[in-house]
C-alpha atoms as a PDB file:
ATOM      1  CA  MET A   1     -30.565 -23.383  11.444  1.00  0.00           C
ATOM      2  CA  ALA A   2     -31.696 -20.733   8.926  1.00  0.00           C
ATOM      3  CA  SER A   3     -30.711 -17.179   9.781  1.00  0.00           C
ATOM      4  CA  LEU A   4     -31.377 -13.905   8.224  1.00  0.00           C
ATOM      5  CA  ASP A   5     -29.345 -11.856  10.681  1.00  0.00           C
ATOM      6  CA  GLY A   6     -28.622  -8.397   9.208  1.00  0.00           C
ATOM      7  CA  LYS A   7     -30.697  -8.878   6.155  1.00  0.00           C
ATOM      8  CA  VAL A   8     -33.438  -6.591   4.944  1.00  0.00           C
ATOM      9  CA  ALA A   9     -36.682  -7.869   3.555  1.00  0.00           C
ATOM     10  CA  LEU A  10     -39.492  -6.093   1.631  1.00  0.00           C
ATOM     11  CA  ILE A  11     -42.583  -8.102   1.440  1.00  0.00           C
ATOM     12  CA  THR A  12     -45.715  -7.041  -0.379  1.00  0.00           C
ATOM     13  CA  GLY A  13     -49.314  -7.934   0.763  1.00  0.00           C
ATOM     14  CA  ALA A  14     -47.834  -8.438   4.163  1.00  0.00           C
ATOM     15  CA  ALA A  15     -50.563  -7.063   6.396  1.00  0.00           C
ATOM     16  CA  SER A  16     -52.199 -10.331   6.312  1.00  0.00           C
ATOM     17  CA  GLY A  17     -52.150 -13.994   5.238  1.00  0.00           C
ATOM     18  CA  LEU A  18     -49.085 -15.549   3.706  1.00  0.00           C
ATOM     19  CA  GLY A  19     -47.111 -12.220   3.795  1.00  0.00           C
ATOM     20  CA  LYS A  20     -47.756 -11.458   7.357  1.00  0.00           C
ATOM     21  CA  ALA A  21     -46.615 -15.018   8.234  1.00  0.00           C
ATOM     22  CA  ILE A  22     -43.485 -14.734   6.243  1.00  0.00           C
ATOM     23  CA  ALA A  23     -42.765 -11.331   7.721  1.00  0.00           C
ATOM     24  CA  GLU A  24     -43.091 -12.615  11.195  1.00  0.00           C
ATOM     25  CA  LEU A  25     -41.026 -15.591  10.739  1.00  0.00           C
ATOM     26  CA  TYR A  26     -38.156 -13.471   8.993  1.00  0.00           C
ATOM     27  CA  ALA A  27     -38.191 -11.079  11.847  1.00  0.00           C
ATOM     28  CA  LYS A  28     -37.827 -14.087  14.297  1.00  0.00           C
ATOM     29  CA  ASN A  29     -34.843 -15.052  12.320  1.00  0.00           C
ATOM     30  CA  GLY A  30     -32.989 -11.759  12.378  1.00  0.00           C
ATOM     31  CA  ALA A  31     -34.381  -9.786   9.327  1.00  0.00           C
ATOM     32  CA  ALA A  32     -35.525  -6.252   9.312  1.00  0.00           C
ATOM     33  CA  VAL A  33     -38.783  -6.394   7.495  1.00  0.00           C
ATOM     34  CA  ALA A  34     -40.886  -3.741   5.648  1.00  0.00           C
ATOM     35  CA  ILE A  35     -44.498  -4.682   5.573  1.00  0.00           C
ATOM     36  CA  ALA A  36     -45.679  -3.343   2.265  1.00  0.00           C
ATOM     37  CA  ASP A  37     -49.511  -3.265   1.781  1.00  0.00           C
ATOM     38  CA  ILE A  38     -52.059  -0.988   0.015  1.00  0.00           C
ATOM     39  CA  ASN A  39     -53.499  -0.366   3.451  1.00  0.00           C
ATOM     40  CA  GLN A  40     -51.104   1.853   5.372  1.00  0.00           C
ATOM     41  CA  GLN A  41     -52.932   1.368   8.692  1.00  0.00           C
ATOM     42  CA  ALA A  42     -52.893  -2.461   8.366  1.00  0.00           C
ATOM     43  CA  ALA A  43     -49.353  -2.374   7.373  1.00  0.00           C
ATOM     44  CA  ASP A  44     -48.445  -0.149  10.363  1.00  0.00           C
ATOM     45  CA  ALA A  45     -50.289  -2.483  12.737  1.00  0.00           C
ATOM     46  CA  ALA A  46     -48.563  -5.542  11.417  1.00  0.00           C
ATOM     47  CA  ALA A  47     -45.152  -3.926  11.903  1.00  0.00           C
ATOM     48  CA  ALA A  48     -46.140  -2.887  15.330  1.00  0.00           C
ATOM     49  CA  GLU A  49     -46.922  -6.447  16.302  1.00  0.00           C
ATOM     50  CA  ILE A  50     -43.384  -7.432  15.159  1.00  0.00           C
ATOM     51  CA  LYS A  51     -41.704  -4.636  16.925  1.00  0.00           C
ATOM     52  CA  ALA A  52     -43.681  -5.536  20.190  1.00  0.00           C
ATOM     53  CA  ALA A  53     -42.202  -9.057  19.814  1.00  0.00           C
ATOM     54  CA  GLY A  54     -38.719  -7.689  19.740  1.00  0.00           C
ATOM     55  CA  GLY A  55     -38.212  -7.503  15.908  1.00  0.00           C
ATOM     56  CA  LYS A  56     -37.598  -4.803  13.347  1.00  0.00           C
ATOM     57  CA  ALA A  57     -40.095  -3.612  11.144  1.00  0.00           C
ATOM     58  CA  ILE A  58     -41.745  -0.690   9.346  1.00  0.00           C
ATOM     59  CA  GLY A  59     -45.137  -0.376   7.679  1.00  0.00           C
ATOM     60  CA  VAL A  60     -44.976   0.891   4.016  1.00  0.00           C
ATOM     61  CA  GLU A  61     -47.861   1.828   1.932  1.00  0.00           C
ATOM     62  CA  MET A  62     -47.770   0.384  -1.470  1.00  0.00           C
ATOM     63  CA  ASP A  63     -49.997  -0.095  -4.457  1.00  0.00           C
ATOM     64  CA  VAL A  64     -47.970  -2.644  -6.555  1.00  0.00           C
ATOM     65  CA  THR A  65     -49.648  -1.482  -9.771  1.00  0.00           C
ATOM     66  CA  ASN A  66     -48.486   2.045  -9.331  1.00  0.00           C
ATOM     67  CA  GLU A  67     -44.623   2.599 -10.320  1.00  0.00           C
ATOM     68  CA  ASP A  68     -44.170   5.760  -8.249  1.00  0.00           C
ATOM     69  CA  ALA A  69     -45.606   4.049  -5.246  1.00  0.00           C
ATOM     70  CA  VAL A  70     -43.490   1.006  -5.556  1.00  0.00           C
ATOM     71  CA  ASN A  71     -40.456   3.186  -6.088  1.00  0.00           C
ATOM     72  CA  ALA A  72     -41.259   5.368  -3.020  1.00  0.00           C
ATOM     73  CA  GLY A  73     -41.971   2.368  -0.922  1.00  0.00           C
ATOM     74  CA  THR A  74     -38.779   0.652  -1.814  1.00  0.00           C
ATOM     75  CA  GLU A  75     -36.687   3.763  -1.126  1.00  0.00           C
ATOM     76  CA  LYS A  76     -38.473   4.127   2.193  1.00  0.00           C
ATOM     77  CA  THR A  77     -37.265   0.626   3.115  1.00  0.00           C
ATOM     78  CA  VAL A  78     -33.709   1.362   2.039  1.00  0.00           C
ATOM     79  CA  ALA A  79     -33.705   4.676   3.981  1.00  0.00           C
ATOM     80  CA  ALA A  80     -34.958   2.867   7.205  1.00  0.00           C
ATOM     81  CA  PHE A  81     -32.772  -0.089   7.161  1.00  0.00           C
ATOM     82  CA  GLY A  82     -29.800   0.745   4.868  1.00  0.00           C
ATOM     83  CA  SER A  83     -30.092  -1.887   2.221  1.00  0.00           C
ATOM     84  CA  LEU A  84     -32.500  -4.424   0.544  1.00  0.00           C
ATOM     85  CA  ASP A  85     -31.571  -8.104   0.506  1.00  0.00           C
ATOM     86  CA  VAL A  86     -34.831 -10.079  -0.046  1.00  0.00           C
ATOM     87  CA  LEU A  87     -37.986  -9.220  -1.995  1.00  0.00           C
ATOM     88  CA  ILE A  88     -41.111 -11.273  -1.667  1.00  0.00           C
ATOM     89  CA  SER A  89     -43.535 -10.438  -4.406  1.00  0.00           C
ATOM     90  CA  ASN A  90     -46.741 -11.653  -2.597  1.00  0.00           C
ATOM     91  CA  ALA A  91     -49.533  -9.234  -3.106  1.00  0.00           C
ATOM     92  CA  GLY A  92     -52.431 -10.734  -4.897  1.00  0.00           C
ATOM     93  CA  VAL A  93     -56.270 -10.981  -5.277  1.00  0.00           C
ATOM     94  CA  GLN A  94     -58.672 -13.428  -6.784  1.00  0.00           C
ATOM     95  CA  ILE A  95     -61.601 -12.882  -9.161  1.00  0.00           C
ATOM     96  CA  ILE A  96     -63.336 -16.070 -10.401  1.00  0.00           C
ATOM     97  CA  ASN A  97     -65.681 -16.334 -13.337  1.00  0.00           C
ATOM     98  CA  PRO A  98     -65.829 -18.482 -16.642  1.00  0.00           C
ATOM     99  CA  ILE A  99     -64.006 -16.977 -19.616  1.00  0.00           C
ATOM    100  CA  ASP A 100     -66.994 -16.033 -21.541  1.00  0.00           C
ATOM    101  CA  GLN A 101     -68.252 -13.977 -18.643  1.00  0.00           C
ATOM    102  CA  PHE A 102     -64.890 -12.548 -17.291  1.00  0.00           C
ATOM    103  CA  ALA A 103     -64.908  -8.769 -17.512  1.00  0.00           C
ATOM    104  CA  PHE A 104     -62.022  -7.217 -19.147  1.00  0.00           C
ATOM    105  CA  ALA A 105     -61.592  -4.840 -16.233  1.00  0.00           C
ATOM    106  CA  ASP A 106     -61.248  -7.671 -14.050  1.00  0.00           C
ATOM    107  CA  TRP A 107     -58.741  -9.530 -16.264  1.00  0.00           C
ATOM    108  CA  LYS A 108     -56.532  -6.392 -16.349  1.00  0.00           C
ATOM    109  CA  LYS A 109     -56.916  -5.953 -12.562  1.00  0.00           C
ATOM    110  CA  MET A 110     -55.651  -9.441 -11.965  1.00  0.00           C
ATOM    111  CA  LEU A 111     -52.654  -9.162 -14.405  1.00  0.00           C
ATOM    112  CA  ALA A 112     -51.802  -5.635 -13.043  1.00  0.00           C
ATOM    113  CA  ILE A 113     -51.619  -6.836  -9.406  1.00  0.00           C
ATOM    114  CA  HIS A 114     -49.883 -10.084  -9.860  1.00  0.00           C
ATOM    115  CA  LEU A 115     -47.613  -9.521 -13.048  1.00  0.00           C
ATOM    116  CA  ASP A 116     -47.106  -5.771 -13.108  1.00  0.00           C
ATOM    117  CA  GLY A 117     -46.598  -5.858  -9.302  1.00  0.00           C
ATOM    118  CA  GLY A 118     -44.027  -8.580  -9.683  1.00  0.00           C
ATOM    119  CA  PHE A 119     -42.222  -6.679 -12.306  1.00  0.00           C
ATOM    120  CA  LEU A 120     -42.335  -3.144 -10.772  1.00  0.00           C
ATOM    121  CA  THR A 121     -41.183  -4.406  -7.262  1.00  0.00           C
ATOM    122  CA  THR A 122     -38.570  -6.421  -8.869  1.00  0.00           C
ATOM    123  CA  LYS A 123     -37.112  -3.397 -11.021  1.00  0.00           C
ATOM    124  CA  ALA A 124     -37.096  -1.293  -7.954  1.00  0.00           C
ATOM    125  CA  ALA A 125     -35.364  -3.813  -5.800  1.00  0.00           C
ATOM    126  CA  LEU A 126     -32.626  -4.382  -8.492  1.00  0.00           C
ATOM    127  CA  LYS A 127     -31.613  -0.911  -8.163  1.00  0.00           C
ATOM    128  CA  HIS A 128     -30.224  -1.720  -4.780  1.00  0.00           C
ATOM    129  CA  MET A 129     -29.324  -5.462  -5.398  1.00  0.00           C
ATOM    130  CA  TYR A 130     -27.237  -4.866  -8.455  1.00  0.00           C
ATOM    131  CA  LYS A 131     -25.294  -1.959  -6.908  1.00  0.00           C
ATOM    132  CA  ASP A 132     -21.777  -3.205  -6.340  1.00  0.00           C
ATOM    133  CA  ASN A 133     -23.059  -6.697  -7.258  1.00  0.00           C
ATOM    134  CA  ARG A 134     -24.052  -6.989  -3.697  1.00  0.00           C
ATOM    135  CA  GLY A 135     -26.795  -9.536  -4.587  1.00  0.00           C
ATOM    136  CA  GLY A 136     -30.056 -10.538  -3.195  1.00  0.00           C
ATOM    137  CA  THR A 137     -33.097 -12.965  -3.417  1.00  0.00           C
ATOM    138  CA  VAL A 138     -36.432 -12.230  -5.156  1.00  0.00           C
ATOM    139  CA  ILE A 139     -39.124 -14.632  -4.336  1.00  0.00           C
ATOM    140  CA  TYR A 140     -42.470 -14.592  -6.256  1.00  0.00           C
ATOM    141  CA  MET A 141     -45.587 -16.113  -4.628  1.00  0.00           C
ATOM    142  CA  GLY A 142     -46.876 -18.293  -7.561  1.00  0.00           C
ATOM    143  CA  SER A 143     -49.226 -21.192  -6.955  1.00  0.00           C
ATOM    144  CA  VAL A 144     -49.989 -24.746  -8.009  1.00  0.00           C
ATOM    145  CA  HIS A 145     -51.872 -22.585 -10.664  1.00  0.00           C
ATOM    146  CA  SER A 146     -48.407 -21.725 -11.918  1.00  0.00           C
ATOM    147  CA  HIS A 147     -48.288 -25.307 -13.294  1.00  0.00           C
ATOM    148  CA  GLU A 148     -51.909 -26.350 -13.392  1.00  0.00           C
ATOM    149  CA  ALA A 149     -55.194 -24.874 -14.508  1.00  0.00           C
ATOM    150  CA  SER A 150     -58.694 -24.804 -12.956  1.00  0.00           C
ATOM    151  CA  LYS A 151     -61.997 -23.739 -14.129  1.00  0.00           C
ATOM    152  CA  LEU A 152     -63.075 -20.113 -13.394  1.00  0.00           C
ATOM    153  CA  LYS A 153     -59.660 -18.768 -12.777  1.00  0.00           C
ATOM    154  CA  SER A 154     -58.281 -17.889 -16.311  1.00  0.00           C
ATOM    155  CA  ALA A 155     -56.685 -14.560 -15.140  1.00  0.00           C
ATOM    156  CA  TYR A 156     -55.301 -15.945 -11.983  1.00  0.00           C
ATOM    157  CA  VAL A 157     -53.801 -19.084 -13.846  1.00  0.00           C
ATOM    158  CA  THR A 158     -52.344 -16.893 -16.728  1.00  0.00           C
ATOM    159  CA  ALA A 159     -50.755 -14.419 -14.065  1.00  0.00           C
ATOM    160  CA  LYS A 160     -49.241 -17.268 -11.960  1.00  0.00           C
ATOM    161  CA  HIS A 161     -47.886 -18.923 -15.039  1.00  0.00           C
ATOM    162  CA  GLY A 162     -46.359 -15.504 -16.110  1.00  0.00           C
ATOM    163  CA  LEU A 163     -44.415 -15.191 -12.752  1.00  0.00           C
ATOM    164  CA  LEU A 164     -42.429 -18.309 -13.803  1.00  0.00           C
ATOM    165  CA  GLY A 165     -41.172 -16.584 -16.955  1.00  0.00           C
ATOM    166  CA  LEU A 166     -40.171 -13.533 -14.899  1.00  0.00           C
ATOM    167  CA  ALA A 167     -38.360 -15.507 -12.237  1.00  0.00           C
ATOM    168  CA  ARG A 168     -36.468 -17.528 -14.915  1.00  0.00           C
ATOM    169  CA  THR A 169     -35.457 -14.463 -16.810  1.00  0.00           C
ATOM    170  CA  LEU A 170     -34.359 -12.872 -13.710  1.00  0.00           C
ATOM    171  CA  ALA A 171     -32.352 -15.846 -12.642  1.00  0.00           C
ATOM    172  CA  LYS A 172     -30.386 -15.453 -15.927  1.00  0.00           C
ATOM    173  CA  GLU A 173     -29.980 -11.818 -15.938  1.00  0.00           C
ATOM    174  CA  GLY A 174     -29.398 -11.445 -12.126  1.00  0.00           C
ATOM    175  CA  ALA A 175     -26.638 -14.062 -11.824  1.00  0.00           C
ATOM    176  CA  ALA A 176     -23.981 -11.687 -12.887  1.00  0.00           C
ATOM    177  CA  HIS A 177     -24.937  -9.432 -10.050  1.00  0.00           C
ATOM    178  CA  ASN A 178     -25.420 -12.325  -7.412  1.00  0.00           C
ATOM    179  CA  VAL A 179     -29.182 -12.000  -7.466  1.00  0.00           C
ATOM    180  CA  ARG A 180     -31.232 -15.237  -7.581  1.00  0.00           C
ATOM    181  CA  SER A 181     -34.905 -15.839  -7.920  1.00  0.00           C
ATOM    182  CA  HIS A 182     -37.511 -18.460  -6.902  1.00  0.00           C
ATOM    183  CA  VAL A 183     -41.267 -18.920  -7.114  1.00  0.00           C
ATOM    184  CA  ILE A 184     -43.197 -20.548  -4.305  1.00  0.00           C
ATOM    185  CA  CYS A 185     -46.118 -22.397  -5.488  1.00  0.00           C
ATOM    186  CA  PRO A 186     -48.633 -23.122  -2.683  1.00  0.00           C
ATOM    187  CA  GLY A 187     -51.690 -25.532  -2.815  1.00  0.00           C
ATOM    188  CA  PHE A 188     -54.752 -24.097  -1.211  1.00  0.00           C
ATOM    189  CA  VAL A 189     -53.945 -22.245   2.080  1.00  0.00           C
ATOM    190  CA  ARG A 190     -56.905 -21.190   4.250  1.00  0.00           C
ATOM    191  CA  THR A 191     -56.157 -17.497   3.916  1.00  0.00           C
ATOM    192  CA  PRO A 192     -58.980 -14.905   3.634  1.00  0.00           C
ATOM    193  CA  LEU A 193     -58.356 -14.974  -0.044  1.00  0.00           C
ATOM    194  CA  VAL A 194     -59.195 -18.719  -0.264  1.00  0.00           C
ATOM    195  CA  GLU A 195     -61.848 -18.483   2.462  1.00  0.00           C
ATOM    196  CA  LYS A 196     -63.725 -16.014   0.186  1.00  0.00           C
ATOM    197  CA  GLN A 197     -63.449 -18.345  -2.815  1.00  0.00           C
ATOM    198  CA  ILE A 198     -65.228 -21.182  -1.185  1.00  0.00           C
ATOM    199  CA  PRO A 199     -68.856 -19.763  -1.324  1.00  0.00           C
ATOM    200  CA  GLU A 200     -68.123 -18.172  -4.633  1.00  0.00           C
ATOM    201  CA  GLN A 201     -67.059 -21.357  -6.254  1.00  0.00           C
ATOM    202  CA  ALA A 202     -70.035 -23.304  -4.561  1.00  0.00           C
ATOM    203  CA  LYS A 203     -72.402 -20.799  -6.164  1.00  0.00           C
ATOM    204  CA  GLU A 204     -70.622 -20.897  -9.533  1.00  0.00           C
ATOM    205  CA  LEU A 205     -70.475 -24.657  -9.600  1.00  0.00           C
ATOM    206  CA  GLY A 206     -73.833 -25.457  -8.017  1.00  0.00           C
ATOM    207  CA  ILE A 207     -72.354 -27.523  -5.129  1.00  0.00           C
ATOM    208  CA  SER A 208     -72.051 -27.226  -1.503  1.00  0.00           C
ATOM    209  CA  GLU A 209     -69.182 -25.429   0.271  1.00  0.00           C
ATOM    210  CA  GLU A 210     -68.101 -28.730   1.795  1.00  0.00           C
ATOM    211  CA  GLU A 211     -67.895 -30.232  -1.556  1.00  0.00           C
ATOM    212  CA  VAL A 212     -65.818 -27.341  -2.872  1.00  0.00           C
ATOM    213  CA  ILE A 213     -63.283 -28.096  -0.187  1.00  0.00           C
ATOM    214  CA  LYS A 214     -63.340 -31.892  -0.523  1.00  0.00           C
ATOM    215  CA  ASN A 215     -63.901 -32.382  -4.287  1.00  0.00           C
ATOM    216  CA  VAL A 216     -62.393 -29.143  -5.760  1.00  0.00           C
ATOM    217  CA  MET A 217     -59.609 -27.715  -3.534  1.00  0.00           C
ATOM    218  CA  LEU A 218     -58.214 -30.775  -1.851  1.00  0.00           C
ATOM    219  CA  LYS A 219     -59.364 -33.503  -4.310  1.00  0.00           C
ATOM    220  CA  ASP A 220     -55.807 -33.998  -5.768  1.00  0.00           C
ATOM    221  CA  THR A 221     -53.891 -33.838  -2.451  1.00  0.00           C
ATOM    222  CA  VAL A 222     -52.502 -37.003  -1.123  1.00  0.00           C
ATOM    223  CA  ASP A 223     -54.037 -36.565   2.395  1.00  0.00           C
ATOM    224  CA  GLY A 224     -56.855 -34.083   1.928  1.00  0.00           C
ATOM    225  CA  VAL A 225     -55.148 -31.400   4.012  1.00  0.00           C
ATOM    226  CA  PHE A 226     -54.823 -27.768   3.358  1.00  0.00           C
ATOM    227  CA  THR A 227     -51.426 -26.286   2.922  1.00  0.00           C
ATOM    228  CA  THR A 228     -50.780 -23.873   5.974  1.00  0.00           C
ATOM    229  CA  VAL A 229     -49.252 -20.454   6.138  1.00  0.00           C
ATOM    230  CA  GLU A 230     -46.442 -21.780   8.289  1.00  0.00           C
ATOM    231  CA  ASP A 231     -45.628 -24.211   5.556  1.00  0.00           C
ATOM    232  CA  ILE A 232     -45.149 -21.320   3.135  1.00  0.00           C
ATOM    233  CA  ALA A 233     -43.297 -19.243   5.505  1.00  0.00           C
ATOM    234  CA  GLN A 234     -40.760 -21.905   6.268  1.00  0.00           C
ATOM    235  CA  THR A 235     -40.254 -22.508   2.625  1.00  0.00           C
ATOM    236  CA  ALA A 236     -39.631 -18.704   2.045  1.00  0.00           C
ATOM    237  CA  LEU A 237     -37.252 -18.787   5.050  1.00  0.00           C
ATOM    238  CA  PHE A 238     -35.190 -21.686   3.555  1.00  0.00           C
ATOM    239  CA  LEU A 239     -35.092 -20.102   0.144  1.00  0.00           C
ATOM    240  CA  ALA A 240     -33.877 -16.611   1.510  1.00  0.00           C
ATOM    241  CA  ALA A 241     -31.338 -18.205   3.585  1.00  0.00           C
ATOM    242  CA  PHE A 242     -29.965 -20.716   1.085  1.00  0.00           C
ATOM    243  CA  PRO A 243     -26.276 -20.159   0.638  1.00  0.00           C
ATOM    244  CA  SER A 244     -25.854 -20.399  -3.110  1.00  0.00           C
ATOM    245  CA  ALA A 245     -27.579 -20.127  -6.565  1.00  0.00           C
ATOM    246  CA  ALA A 246     -28.018 -23.833  -6.776  1.00  0.00           C
ATOM    247  CA  LEU A 247     -31.842 -23.335  -6.670  1.00  0.00           C
ATOM    248  CA  THR A 248     -32.162 -20.166  -8.787  1.00  0.00           C
ATOM    249  CA  GLY A 249     -34.878 -20.017 -11.226  1.00  0.00           C
ATOM    250  CA  GLN A 250     -36.714 -22.839  -9.673  1.00  0.00           C
ATOM    251  CA  SER A 251     -40.255 -23.092  -8.596  1.00  0.00           C
ATOM    252  CA  VAL A 252     -41.065 -24.957  -5.199  1.00  0.00           C
ATOM    253  CA  VAL A 253     -44.383 -26.577  -5.105  1.00  0.00           C
ATOM    254  CA  VAL A 254     -45.760 -26.753  -1.485  1.00  0.00           C
ATOM    255  CA  SER A 255     -49.227 -28.647  -1.947  1.00  0.00           C
ATOM    256  CA  HIS A 256     -49.520 -31.798  -0.131  1.00  0.00           C
ATOM    257  CA  GLY A 257     -48.832 -33.611  -3.301  1.00  0.00           C
ATOM    258  CA  TRP A 258     -51.528 -31.834  -5.526  1.00  0.00           C
ATOM    259  CA  TYR A 259     -48.951 -31.165  -8.078  1.00  0.00           C
ATOM    260  CA  MET A 260     -45.487 -33.069  -8.242  1.00  0.00           C
ATOM    261  CA  GLN A 261     -42.795 -31.694 -10.448  1.00  0.00           C
END
């Protein structure tokens, strides 16, 4: 059985969706977790749920595009729990539009949250993981769109492709300090982020919401089934608890066969 006893994890975007599911599973498996989110109240509420269930957790307010906020949140985590062993760079948003209509401000926002956020949280975490070569694991939340492209998602696809490069570079640089990296690449998971996309894509593509689900989101899966938050949380647990660097630098696609490496 996977165990994170005594480990400390910082998870961004963890007040809801995938991040919250990972935080809850990590806590059940022995980790102390910092729930980092741009919404302090939501982060505190998610942390309170974990503590009520017998786990260890704190809420951390963090705008992942702000270096000072990232550094402060990371230091708060270490001050509370004494170390940092696992970083999950999960915070993300979605904005859809065709390229010719994509606002530059929206492009920059998407890349800032996904890519700048991944970089800034990694840099802050490495300060502690590199110390005395104690090591750690950094997991980026990619997507099938780290490998594939879809219409209307130029910024998202670009950002998720970029996380592969960051993870692979960290795998090479971090090895000397016992740090490894991974990218989890989910298919469509019915989080609030994906629920929001269904009517948006229906409008953009001129089709029904049912057609978006069947013929866009799940068209290339082997069974027409959404990936679940539990699928992703279990993958994150497996990677964090894995005992060696055998899988470092790799992306793990969890998509019901939508994309096969």
